[in-house]
Amino acid sequence: MYKVHFENRFILISSEPDRVQKYGLFHKFHDTKELYRLISDFQTDTKISAINIYGPDIKHIWKIFRIYFTEVGAAGGLVKHSSGRFLFIEKKGKLDLPKGHIEPGEEPEECALREVSEECGIDGHKIIKPLEPSYHTYTWEGISYLKKTSWFLMEYDGRMVTEPQVREGITTVEWLLPEEISKIKSSAWLSLMDLINLSVFKA
């Protein structure tokens, strides 16, 4: 199953119809041309909150889906302090996790550690394990991009820095306990809450 976010809307690609969730549209995959028309219409019509595209050969559908976009890579970290608190930032008016584009020749793990340092001003954090990647799309100068963000759970026992790195566009740095995380739901991307639900509350 693959979930691709278009800001706070998404397309879910699955082998069978996902009847558990509520979707604006269910669509069985038939051919590439029809799939690309569906993606284009979804990009334009923001009234549709979600689409479930399904078919038995999910790997084939995902391959065709990705070809529609120009792919870029990013990486970031969910940092857990020894106190049990998790690190969050606010950027562009949205609560988020530190992340950024992978530089040429850089491994996702290296990128994630670097971005956490640059955006949050901490050092000494270590990767515990990889988390599920997230996918989202954006359009820049008429080109549709598909960004895969590789996420990593990290541990940290240093000072809980709260000074925002203004040069990185960070306006707030917060360290939240799991029971406090619910307060960010209204001001966080849907993709972030998916990651948190899988990584914090089901850990």
N, C-alpha and C. Protein backbone atom coordinates (compact mmCIF):
# COMPACT_ATOMS: atom_id res chain seq x y z
N MET A 1 0.84 -1.19 0.00
CA MET A 1 0.00 0.00 0.00
C MET A 1 0.88 1.24 0.00
N TYR A 2 0.53 2.22 -0.80
CA TYR A 2 1.27 3.47 -0.88
C TYR A 2 0.30 4.63 -0.70
N LYS A 3 0.68 5.59 0.12
CA LYS A 3 -0.14 6.77 0.37
C LYS A 3 0.66 7.99 -0.04
N VAL A 4 0.13 8.76 -0.99
CA VAL A 4 0.82 9.93 -1.51
C VAL A 4 0.01 11.17 -1.17
N HIS A 5 0.65 12.11 -0.47
CA HIS A 5 -0.03 13.31 0.01
C HIS A 5 0.09 14.45 -0.99
N PHE A 6 -1.02 15.11 -1.19
CA PHE A 6 -1.10 16.33 -1.99
C PHE A 6 -1.52 17.41 -0.98
N GLU A 7 -0.54 17.99 -0.27
CA GLU A 7 -0.81 18.82 0.90
C GLU A 7 -1.65 17.98 1.89
N ASN A 8 -2.87 18.39 2.23
CA ASN A 8 -3.65 17.61 3.18
C ASN A 8 -4.72 16.74 2.50
N ARG A 9 -4.49 16.41 1.25
CA ARG A 9 -5.30 15.42 0.53
C ARG A 9 -4.37 14.28 0.14
N PHE A 10 -4.93 13.16 -0.29
CA PHE A 10 -4.03 12.06 -0.64
C PHE A 10 -4.66 11.08 -1.62
N ILE A 11 -3.77 10.36 -2.29
CA ILE A 11 -4.15 9.21 -3.12
C ILE A 11 -3.56 7.98 -2.47
N LEU A 12 -4.40 6.97 -2.25
CA LEU A 12 -3.96 5.70 -1.70
C LEU A 12 -3.96 4.66 -2.81
N ILE A 13 -2.84 3.97 -2.95
CA ILE A 13 -2.73 2.89 -3.93
C ILE A 13 -2.71 1.58 -3.17
N SER A 14 -3.66 0.69 -3.46
CA SER A 14 -3.77 -0.56 -2.72
C SER A 14 -4.16 -1.69 -3.66
N SER A 15 -3.99 -2.92 -3.19
CA SER A 15 -4.33 -4.08 -4.03
C SER A 15 -5.83 -4.34 -4.05
N GLU A 16 -6.51 -3.97 -2.97
CA GLU A 16 -7.96 -4.11 -2.87
C GLU A 16 -8.57 -2.79 -2.41
N PRO A 17 -9.85 -2.55 -2.68
CA PRO A 17 -10.47 -1.31 -2.20
C PRO A 17 -10.37 -1.21 -0.67
N ASP A 18 -9.99 -0.05 -0.19
CA ASP A 18 -9.86 0.17 1.25
C ASP A 18 -11.20 0.69 1.77
N ARG A 19 -12.04 -0.21 2.21
CA ARG A 19 -13.40 0.16 2.64
C ARG A 19 -13.44 0.75 4.05
N VAL A 20 -12.31 0.67 4.76
CA VAL A 20 -12.28 1.19 6.14
C VAL A 20 -12.33 2.71 6.15
N GLN A 21 -11.60 3.33 5.22
CA GLN A 21 -11.54 4.79 5.16
C GLN A 21 -12.66 5.34 4.27
N LYS A 22 -12.88 6.65 4.41
CA LYS A 22 -13.86 7.31 3.56
C LYS A 22 -13.12 8.06 2.45
N TYR A 23 -13.43 7.71 1.22
CA TYR A 23 -12.76 8.32 0.08
C TYR A 23 -13.78 9.05 -0.79
N GLY A 24 -13.28 10.10 -1.47
CA GLY A 24 -14.15 10.79 -2.40
C GLY A 24 -14.39 9.96 -3.64
N LEU A 25 -13.46 9.05 -3.93
CA LEU A 25 -13.55 8.27 -5.16
C LEU A 25 -12.76 6.97 -5.04
N PHE A 26 -13.35 5.87 -5.49
CA PHE A 26 -12.65 4.60 -5.66
C PHE A 26 -12.44 4.39 -7.15
N HIS A 27 -11.26 3.91 -7.51
CA HIS A 27 -10.99 3.72 -8.94
C HIS A 27 -10.13 2.48 -9.14
N LYS A 28 -10.61 1.54 -9.94
CA LYS A 28 -9.82 0.36 -10.27
C LYS A 28 -8.91 0.68 -11.45
N PHE A 29 -7.63 0.36 -11.29
CA PHE A 29 -6.65 0.66 -12.33
C PHE A 29 -6.91 -0.15 -13.60
N HIS A 30 -6.89 0.54 -14.75
CA HIS A 30 -7.06 -0.11 -16.04
C HIS A 30 -5.85 0.12 -16.95
N ASP A 31 -5.47 1.38 -17.14
CA ASP A 31 -4.34 1.66 -18.03
C ASP A 31 -3.66 2.96 -17.63
N THR A 32 -2.49 3.19 -18.19
CA THR A 32 -1.66 4.34 -17.83
C THR A 32 -2.34 5.66 -18.16
N LYS A 33 -2.92 5.77 -19.34
CA LYS A 33 -3.53 7.02 -19.77
C LYS A 33 -4.63 7.45 -18.81
N GLU A 34 -5.45 6.50 -18.41
CA GLU A 34 -6.55 6.79 -17.49
C GLU A 34 -6.01 7.19 -16.11
N LEU A 35 -4.95 6.53 -15.67
CA LEU A 35 -4.34 6.86 -14.38
C LEU A 35 -3.80 8.28 -14.38
N TYR A 36 -3.12 8.66 -15.45
CA TYR A 36 -2.54 10.00 -15.51
C TYR A 36 -3.62 11.08 -15.58
N ARG A 37 -4.72 10.77 -16.25
CA ARG A 37 -5.84 11.72 -16.26
C ARG A 37 -6.41 11.89 -14.87
N LEU A 38 -6.48 10.79 -14.13
CA LEU A 38 -7.00 10.81 -12.77
C LEU A 38 -6.11 11.66 -11.86
N ILE A 39 -4.79 11.48 -11.98
CA ILE A 39 -3.85 12.28 -11.18
C ILE A 39 -3.99 13.76 -11.51
N SER A 40 -4.04 14.06 -12.80
CA SER A 40 -4.15 15.45 -13.23
C SER A 40 -5.43 16.10 -12.70
N ASP A 41 -6.54 15.37 -12.80
CA ASP A 41 -7.81 15.90 -12.31
C ASP A 41 -7.78 16.11 -10.79
N PHE A 42 -7.11 15.20 -10.08
CA PHE A 42 -7.02 15.31 -8.63
C PHE A 42 -6.18 16.52 -8.23
N GLN A 43 -5.12 16.78 -8.98
CA GLN A 43 -4.29 17.95 -8.71
C GLN A 43 -5.08 19.24 -8.87
N THR A 44 -6.00 19.24 -9.82
CA THR A 44 -6.77 20.45 -10.13
C THR A 44 -7.98 20.63 -9.24
N ASP A 45 -8.68 19.54 -8.97
CA ASP A 45 -9.94 19.60 -8.23
C ASP A 45 -9.69 19.36 -6.74
N THR A 46 -9.50 20.43 -5.99
CA THR A 46 -9.19 20.30 -4.57
C THR A 46 -10.40 19.96 -3.71
N LYS A 47 -11.57 19.85 -4.33
CA LYS A 47 -12.77 19.47 -3.56
C LYS A 47 -12.76 17.98 -3.22
N ILE A 48 -11.99 17.19 -3.99
CA ILE A 48 -11.88 15.76 -3.71
C ILE A 48 -10.79 15.56 -2.66
N SER A 49 -11.16 15.01 -1.51
CA SER A 49 -10.20 14.90 -0.41
C SER A 49 -9.27 13.69 -0.54
N ALA A 50 -9.75 12.63 -1.17
CA ALA A 50 -8.93 11.43 -1.27
C ALA A 50 -9.45 10.51 -2.37
N ILE A 51 -8.53 9.76 -2.97
CA ILE A 51 -8.87 8.76 -3.98
C ILE A 51 -8.17 7.46 -3.62
N ASN A 52 -8.87 6.37 -3.76
CA ASN A 52 -8.28 5.04 -3.59
C ASN A 52 -8.19 4.38 -4.95
N ILE A 53 -6.96 4.24 -5.46
CA ILE A 53 -6.70 3.54 -6.71
C ILE A 53 -6.25 2.13 -6.36
N TYR A 54 -6.89 1.13 -6.92
CA TYR A 54 -6.56 -0.23 -6.52
C TYR A 54 -6.45 -1.16 -7.74
N GLY A 55 -5.74 -2.25 -7.53
CA GLY A 55 -5.56 -3.26 -8.56
C GLY A 55 -4.65 -4.34 -8.03
N PRO A 56 -4.72 -5.56 -8.58
CA PRO A 56 -3.97 -6.70 -8.02
C PRO A 56 -2.45 -6.54 -8.11
N ASP A 57 -1.96 -5.86 -9.16
CA ASP A 57 -0.51 -5.70 -9.33
C ASP A 57 -0.10 -4.31 -8.82
N ILE A 58 0.00 -4.20 -7.50
CA ILE A 58 0.25 -2.89 -6.89
C ILE A 58 1.64 -2.35 -7.25
N LYS A 59 2.62 -3.23 -7.43
CA LYS A 59 3.96 -2.76 -7.79
C LYS A 59 3.96 -2.11 -9.18
N HIS A 60 3.18 -2.67 -10.09
CA HIS A 60 3.07 -2.10 -11.43
C HIS A 60 2.38 -0.73 -11.38
N ILE A 61 1.30 -0.64 -10.62
CA ILE A 61 0.58 0.64 -10.50
C ILE A 61 1.51 1.69 -9.90
N TRP A 62 2.25 1.34 -8.87
CA TRP A 62 3.15 2.28 -8.22
C TRP A 62 4.26 2.74 -9.17
N LYS A 63 4.78 1.82 -9.98
CA LYS A 63 5.81 2.18 -10.95
C LYS A 63 5.27 3.17 -11.97
N ILE A 64 4.09 2.90 -12.50
CA ILE A 64 3.48 3.80 -13.47
C ILE A 64 3.14 5.15 -12.84
N PHE A 65 2.64 5.12 -11.62
CA PHE A 65 2.30 6.34 -10.89
C PHE A 65 3.53 7.24 -10.75
N ARG A 66 4.66 6.66 -10.36
CA ARG A 66 5.88 7.44 -10.13
C ARG A 66 6.41 8.07 -11.41
N ILE A 67 6.23 7.40 -12.54
CA ILE A 67 6.74 7.93 -13.80
C ILE A 67 6.09 9.26 -14.15
N TYR A 68 4.88 9.49 -13.67
CA TYR A 68 4.16 10.74 -13.94
C TYR A 68 4.92 11.95 -13.36
N PHE A 69 5.69 11.71 -12.30
CA PHE A 69 6.35 12.79 -11.57
C PHE A 69 7.86 12.80 -11.77
N THR A 70 8.47 13.94 -11.43
CA THR A 70 9.92 14.02 -11.27
C THR A 70 10.21 13.71 -9.80
N GLU A 71 11.02 12.70 -9.55
CA GLU A 71 11.24 12.25 -8.18
C GLU A 71 12.41 12.97 -7.52
N VAL A 72 12.22 13.30 -6.24
CA VAL A 72 13.28 13.91 -5.42
C VAL A 72 13.30 13.20 -4.07
N GLY A 73 14.46 13.24 -3.42
CA GLY A 73 14.61 12.56 -2.14
C GLY A 73 14.87 13.51 -1.00
N ALA A 74 14.35 13.18 0.17
CA ALA A 74 14.58 13.96 1.38
C ALA A 74 14.69 13.00 2.55
N ALA A 75 15.13 13.51 3.69
CA ALA A 75 15.23 12.68 4.89
C ALA A 75 15.07 13.55 6.12
N GLY A 76 14.59 12.93 7.20
CA GLY A 76 14.38 13.69 8.43
C GLY A 76 14.33 12.77 9.63
N GLY A 77 14.18 13.38 10.81
CA GLY A 77 14.23 12.60 12.02
C GLY A 77 13.12 12.90 13.02
N LEU A 78 12.66 11.84 13.67
CA LEU A 78 11.79 11.94 14.83
C LEU A 78 12.70 11.70 16.03
N VAL A 79 12.99 12.78 16.76
CA VAL A 79 13.98 12.73 17.84
C VAL A 79 13.30 12.53 19.18
N LYS A 80 13.68 11.45 19.88
CA LYS A 80 13.16 11.17 21.21
C LYS A 80 14.23 11.46 22.26
N HIS A 81 13.92 12.37 23.17
CA HIS A 81 14.84 12.71 24.24
C HIS A 81 14.78 11.66 25.33
N SER A 82 15.85 11.56 26.12
CA SER A 82 15.88 10.58 27.21
C SER A 82 14.80 10.84 28.25
N SER A 83 14.22 12.04 28.24
CA SER A 83 13.12 12.38 29.15
C SER A 83 11.78 11.82 28.67
N GLY A 84 11.76 11.32 27.43
CA GLY A 84 10.52 10.81 26.86
C GLY A 84 9.82 11.81 25.95
N ARG A 85 10.38 13.01 25.84
CA ARG A 85 9.78 14.04 24.98
C ARG A 85 10.28 13.91 23.54
N PHE A 86 9.45 14.36 22.60
CA PHE A 86 9.79 14.32 21.17
C PHE A 86 9.97 15.73 20.63
N LEU A 87 10.87 15.88 19.68
CA LEU A 87 11.22 17.18 19.13
C LEU A 87 10.34 17.54 17.93
N PHE A 88 9.73 18.73 17.98
CA PHE A 88 8.93 19.24 16.87
C PHE A 88 9.36 20.68 16.56
N ILE A 89 9.13 21.08 15.32
CA ILE A 89 9.42 22.44 14.91
C ILE A 89 8.19 23.04 14.25
N GLU A 90 8.18 24.36 14.13
CA GLU A 90 7.16 25.02 13.33
C GLU A 90 7.86 25.72 12.18
N LYS A 91 7.38 25.45 10.96
CA LYS A 91 8.00 26.01 9.76
C LYS A 91 6.90 26.32 8.76
N LYS A 92 6.92 27.52 8.21
CA LYS A 92 5.90 27.95 7.26
C LYS A 92 4.50 27.83 7.85
N GLY A 93 4.40 28.10 9.16
CA GLY A 93 3.10 28.10 9.80
C GLY A 93 2.54 26.74 10.15
N LYS A 94 3.33 25.68 9.93
CA LYS A 94 2.88 24.33 10.22
C LYS A 94 3.86 23.64 11.16
N LEU A 95 3.32 22.90 12.14
CA LEU A 95 4.18 22.07 12.97
C LEU A 95 4.68 20.90 12.14
N ASP A 96 5.94 20.55 12.33
CA ASP A 96 6.57 19.55 11.47
C ASP A 96 7.74 18.92 12.21
N LEU A 97 8.42 18.02 11.51
CA LEU A 97 9.66 17.43 12.00
C LEU A 97 10.81 17.95 11.14
N PRO A 98 12.01 18.04 11.69
CA PRO A 98 13.15 18.49 10.89
C PRO A 98 13.45 17.53 9.74
N LYS A 99 13.61 18.10 8.57
CA LYS A 99 13.89 17.29 7.37
C LYS A 99 14.43 18.20 6.29
N GLY A 100 14.95 17.60 5.21
CA GLY A 100 15.44 18.40 4.10
C GLY A 100 15.88 17.52 2.94
N HIS A 101 16.21 18.16 1.82
CA HIS A 101 16.60 17.43 0.62
C HIS A 101 17.94 16.73 0.79
N ILE A 102 18.03 15.55 0.21
CA ILE A 102 19.28 14.79 0.22
C ILE A 102 20.23 15.40 -0.81
N GLU A 103 21.44 15.70 -0.38
CA GLU A 103 22.44 16.30 -1.27
C GLU A 103 23.11 15.21 -2.10
N PRO A 104 23.67 15.58 -3.27
CA PRO A 104 24.35 14.59 -4.12
C PRO A 104 25.42 13.82 -3.35
N GLY A 105 25.37 12.50 -3.47
CA GLY A 105 26.35 11.66 -2.80
C GLY A 105 26.08 11.40 -1.33
N GLU A 106 25.00 11.93 -0.82
CA GLU A 106 24.68 11.80 0.60
C GLU A 106 23.70 10.65 0.82
N GLU A 107 23.92 9.86 1.86
CA GLU A 107 22.99 8.80 2.22
C GLU A 107 21.83 9.39 3.02
N PRO A 108 20.64 8.77 2.95
CA PRO A 108 19.50 9.30 3.71
C PRO A 108 19.79 9.46 5.21
N GLU A 109 20.51 8.50 5.80
CA GLU A 109 20.85 8.60 7.22
C GLU A 109 21.69 9.84 7.51
N GLU A 110 22.67 10.11 6.65
CA GLU A 110 23.53 11.28 6.82
C GLU A 110 22.71 12.56 6.71
N CYS A 111 21.82 12.58 5.72
CA CYS A 111 20.98 13.75 5.51
C CYS A 111 20.09 14.01 6.72
N ALA A 112 19.47 12.96 7.25
CA ALA A 112 18.56 13.11 8.38
C ALA A 112 19.29 13.67 9.60
N LEU A 113 20.46 13.14 9.90
CA LEU A 113 21.24 13.63 11.05
C LEU A 113 21.65 15.08 10.84
N ARG A 114 22.07 15.40 9.63
CA ARG A 114 22.50 16.77 9.31
C ARG A 114 21.35 17.76 9.43
N GLU A 115 20.20 17.39 8.88
CA GLU A 115 19.05 18.30 8.91
C GLU A 115 18.58 18.58 10.34
N VAL A 116 18.59 17.55 11.18
CA VAL A 116 18.20 17.76 12.58
C VAL A 116 19.15 18.74 13.25
N SER A 117 20.45 18.60 12.98
CA SER A 117 21.43 19.51 13.56
C SER A 117 21.22 20.93 13.06
N GLU A 118 21.06 21.08 11.74
CA GLU A 118 20.94 22.41 11.15
C GLU A 118 19.66 23.12 11.55
N GLU A 119 18.56 22.37 11.61
CA GLU A 119 17.27 23.01 11.86
C GLU A 119 16.96 23.16 13.34
N CYS A 120 17.59 22.35 14.19
CA CYS A 120 17.23 22.36 15.62
C CYS A 120 18.39 22.70 16.54
N GLY A 121 19.61 22.79 15.99
CA GLY A 121 20.75 23.21 16.79
C GLY A 121 21.21 22.22 17.83
N ILE A 122 20.97 20.93 17.60
CA ILE A 122 21.43 19.91 18.55
C ILE A 122 22.51 19.04 17.91
N ASP A 123 23.32 18.41 18.76
CA ASP A 123 24.36 17.50 18.33
C ASP A 123 24.36 16.28 19.26
N GLY A 124 24.89 15.18 18.77
CA GLY A 124 24.98 13.97 19.60
C GLY A 124 23.78 13.06 19.47
N HIS A 125 22.83 13.39 18.60
CA HIS A 125 21.68 12.52 18.38
C HIS A 125 22.10 11.33 17.50
N LYS A 126 21.49 10.19 17.75
CA LYS A 126 21.85 8.96 17.04
C LYS A 126 20.61 8.27 16.50
N ILE A 127 20.77 7.62 15.36
CA ILE A 127 19.66 6.89 14.75
C ILE A 127 19.45 5.56 15.47
N ILE A 128 18.19 5.29 15.83
CA ILE A 128 17.82 4.01 16.44
C ILE A 128 17.36 3.03 15.37
N LYS A 129 16.46 3.51 14.50
CA LYS A 129 15.93 2.63 13.46
C LYS A 129 15.25 3.47 12.38
N PRO A 130 15.11 2.92 11.17
CA PRO A 130 14.34 3.62 10.13
C PRO A 130 12.85 3.50 10.40
N LEU A 131 12.10 4.49 9.96
CA LEU A 131 10.64 4.49 10.04
C LEU A 131 10.07 4.40 8.64
N GLU A 132 8.76 4.27 8.54
CA GLU A 132 8.12 4.20 7.23
C GLU A 132 8.34 5.52 6.47
N PRO A 133 8.73 5.46 5.20
CA PRO A 133 8.89 6.70 4.44
C PRO A 133 7.53 7.34 4.15
N SER A 134 7.55 8.62 3.86
CA SER A 134 6.32 9.31 3.45
C SER A 134 6.52 9.87 2.05
N TYR A 135 5.40 10.07 1.35
CA TYR A 135 5.44 10.58 -0.01
C TYR A 135 4.50 11.77 -0.12
N HIS A 136 4.97 12.83 -0.75
CA HIS A 136 4.05 13.92 -1.04
C HIS A 136 4.47 14.60 -2.33
N THR A 137 3.53 15.31 -2.91
CA THR A 137 3.76 15.96 -4.20
C THR A 137 3.68 17.47 -4.08
N TYR A 138 4.35 18.13 -5.00
CA TYR A 138 4.23 19.59 -5.12
C TYR A 138 4.58 19.97 -6.55
N THR A 139 4.15 21.15 -6.94
CA THR A 139 4.41 21.63 -8.29
C THR A 139 5.27 22.89 -8.22
N TRP A 140 6.32 22.93 -9.02
CA TRP A 140 7.23 24.07 -9.04
C TRP A 140 7.59 24.38 -10.48
N GLU A 141 7.27 25.60 -10.91
CA GLU A 141 7.54 26.05 -12.28
C GLU A 141 6.97 25.08 -13.30
N GLY A 142 5.74 24.62 -13.03
CA GLY A 142 5.02 23.78 -13.98
C GLY A 142 5.42 22.31 -13.96
N ILE A 143 6.34 21.93 -13.08
CA ILE A 143 6.78 20.54 -12.99
C ILE A 143 6.20 19.91 -11.73
N SER A 144 5.62 18.72 -11.87
CA SER A 144 5.06 17.99 -10.74
C SER A 144 6.13 17.08 -10.13
N TYR A 145 6.39 17.27 -8.85
CA TYR A 145 7.41 16.50 -8.16
C TYR A 145 6.78 15.51 -7.18
N LEU A 146 7.42 14.35 -7.04
CA LEU A 146 7.06 13.38 -6.02
C LEU A 146 8.25 13.26 -5.08
N LYS A 147 8.06 13.68 -3.82
CA LYS A 147 9.15 13.63 -2.86
C LYS A 147 8.97 12.45 -1.91
N LYS A 148 9.99 11.62 -1.86
CA LYS A 148 10.05 10.55 -0.87
C LYS A 148 10.92 11.02 0.29
N THR A 149 10.34 11.05 1.48
CA THR A 149 11.10 11.41 2.67
C THR A 149 11.38 10.17 3.49
N SER A 150 12.66 9.86 3.67
CA SER A 150 13.07 8.74 4.51
C SER A 150 13.16 9.25 5.94
N TRP A 151 12.45 8.58 6.85
CA TRP A 151 12.40 9.01 8.24
C TRP A 151 13.17 8.05 9.14
N PHE A 152 13.74 8.61 10.21
CA PHE A 152 14.50 7.80 11.15
C PHE A 152 14.15 8.22 12.58
N LEU A 153 13.95 7.21 13.43
CA LEU A 153 13.77 7.48 14.86
C LEU A 153 15.15 7.66 15.46
N MET A 154 15.32 8.75 16.23
CA MET A 154 16.62 9.07 16.81
C MET A 154 16.51 9.21 18.32
N GLU A 155 17.61 8.98 19.01
CA GLU A 155 17.68 9.19 20.46
C GLU A 155 18.65 10.32 20.75
N TYR A 156 18.36 11.03 21.85
CA TYR A 156 19.15 12.22 22.19
C TYR A 156 19.04 12.45 23.70
N ASP A 157 20.17 12.74 24.35
CA ASP A 157 20.12 12.97 25.79
C ASP A 157 20.77 14.29 26.20
N GLY A 158 20.95 15.18 25.23
CA GLY A 158 21.56 16.48 25.52
C GLY A 158 20.54 17.52 25.93
N ARG A 159 20.96 18.79 25.87
CA ARG A 159 20.09 19.89 26.25
C ARG A 159 18.93 20.01 25.28
N MET A 160 17.74 20.22 25.80
CA MET A 160 16.56 20.37 24.95
C MET A 160 16.49 21.80 24.44
N VAL A 161 17.18 22.03 23.33
CA VAL A 161 17.26 23.36 22.73
C VAL A 161 15.88 23.82 22.30
N THR A 162 15.53 25.07 22.59
CA THR A 162 14.23 25.61 22.18
C THR A 162 14.37 26.88 21.37
N GLU A 163 15.63 27.29 21.09
CA GLU A 163 15.84 28.49 20.29
C GLU A 163 15.67 28.14 18.81
N PRO A 164 14.71 28.75 18.11
CA PRO A 164 14.51 28.43 16.69
C PRO A 164 15.67 28.90 15.83
N GLN A 165 16.00 28.09 14.83
CA GLN A 165 17.05 28.46 13.87
C GLN A 165 16.40 29.30 12.76
N VAL A 166 16.38 30.60 12.97
CA VAL A 166 15.66 31.51 12.06
C VAL A 166 16.20 31.41 10.64
N ARG A 167 17.50 31.23 10.51
CA ARG A 167 18.08 31.15 9.16
C ARG A 167 17.58 29.95 8.39
N GLU A 168 17.07 28.95 9.11
CA GLU A 168 16.50 27.76 8.47
C GLU A 168 14.98 27.87 8.29
N GLY A 169 14.43 29.04 8.65
CA GLY A 169 12.99 29.24 8.51
C GLY A 169 12.18 28.65 9.64
N ILE A 170 12.84 28.28 10.75
CA ILE A 170 12.16 27.69 11.90
C ILE A 170 11.66 28.82 12.81
N THR A 171 10.40 28.77 13.19
CA THR A 171 9.84 29.79 14.07
C THR A 171 9.60 29.30 15.49
N THR A 172 9.49 27.98 15.68
CA THR A 172 9.26 27.41 17.00
C THR A 172 9.95 26.05 17.11
N VAL A 173 10.50 25.77 18.31
CA VAL A 173 11.03 24.45 18.62
C VAL A 173 10.35 23.99 19.91
N GLU A 174 9.75 22.80 19.88
CA GLU A 174 9.04 22.28 21.04
C GLU A 174 9.45 20.85 21.32
N TRP A 175 9.46 20.50 22.62
CA TRP A 175 9.70 19.12 23.05
C TRP A 175 8.43 18.65 23.74
N LEU A 176 7.72 17.71 23.13
CA LEU A 176 6.40 17.30 23.62
C LEU A 176 6.39 15.86 24.12
N LEU A 177 5.66 15.65 25.21
CA LEU A 177 5.40 14.30 25.68
C LEU A 177 4.35 13.66 24.77
N PRO A 178 4.31 12.32 24.67
CA PRO A 178 3.32 11.68 23.81
C PRO A 178 1.90 12.15 24.05
N GLU A 179 1.52 12.35 25.31
CA GLU A 179 0.14 12.78 25.59
C GLU A 179 -0.12 14.23 25.19
N GLU A 180 0.95 14.99 24.91
CA GLU A 180 0.78 16.38 24.48
C GLU A 180 0.68 16.51 22.96
N ILE A 181 1.03 15.43 22.26
CA ILE A 181 1.13 15.50 20.80
C ILE A 181 -0.23 15.76 20.15
N SER A 182 -1.30 15.34 20.81
CA SER A 182 -2.63 15.53 20.22
C SER A 182 -2.93 17.00 19.95
N LYS A 183 -2.26 17.90 20.67
CA LYS A 183 -2.53 19.32 20.48
C LYS A 183 -2.04 19.85 19.13
N ILE A 184 -1.18 19.09 18.47
CA ILE A 184 -0.64 19.58 17.20
C ILE A 184 -1.48 19.15 16.01
N LYS A 185 -2.49 18.31 16.23
CA LYS A 185 -3.23 17.75 15.10
C LYS A 185 -3.82 18.82 14.18
N SER A 186 -4.33 19.88 14.78
CA SER A 186 -4.99 20.91 13.98
C SER A 186 -4.01 21.80 13.23
N SER A 187 -2.73 21.73 13.60
CA SER A 187 -1.74 22.60 12.95
C SER A 187 -0.58 21.80 12.36
N ALA A 188 -0.85 20.55 11.99
CA ALA A 188 0.19 19.70 11.42
C ALA A 188 -0.29 19.08 10.12
N TRP A 189 0.65 18.76 9.26
CA TRP A 189 0.31 18.09 8.01
C TRP A 189 -0.25 16.70 8.31
N LEU A 190 -1.17 16.26 7.47
CA LEU A 190 -1.76 14.93 7.62
C LEU A 190 -0.68 13.86 7.55
N SER A 191 0.31 14.04 6.68
CA SER A 191 1.39 13.06 6.56
C SER A 191 2.18 12.94 7.85
N LEU A 192 2.35 14.06 8.57
CA LEU A 192 3.06 14.03 9.83
C LEU A 192 2.29 13.23 10.87
N MET A 193 0.99 13.43 10.93
CA MET A 193 0.19 12.70 11.91
C MET A 193 0.17 11.21 11.61
N ASP A 194 0.20 10.84 10.33
CA ASP A 194 0.31 9.42 9.97
C ASP A 194 1.60 8.83 10.54
N LEU A 195 2.70 9.57 10.38
CA LEU A 195 4.00 9.10 10.88
C LEU A 195 3.98 8.99 12.40
N ILE A 196 3.42 10.00 13.07
CA ILE A 196 3.38 10.01 14.53
C ILE A 196 2.53 8.85 15.05
N ASN A 197 1.39 8.64 14.43
CA ASN A 197 0.50 7.56 14.88
C ASN A 197 1.16 6.20 14.77
N LEU A 198 1.96 6.01 13.72
CA LEU A 198 2.64 4.73 13.53
C LEU A 198 3.87 4.58 14.42
N SER A 199 4.56 5.70 14.67
CA SER A 199 5.87 5.64 15.31
C SER A 199 5.85 5.90 16.80
N VAL A 200 4.90 6.68 17.28
CA VAL A 200 4.85 7.03 18.70
C VAL A 200 3.79 6.21 19.43
N PHE A 201 2.57 6.24 18.90
CA PHE A 201 1.48 5.59 19.61
C PHE A 201 1.40 4.08 19.39
N LYS A 202 2.13 3.58 18.36
CA LYS A 202 2.16 2.13 18.13
C LYS A 202 3.53 1.56 18.35
N ALA A 203 4.40 2.37 18.95
CA ALA A 203 5.78 1.91 19.18
C ALA A 203 5.83 0.81 20.25
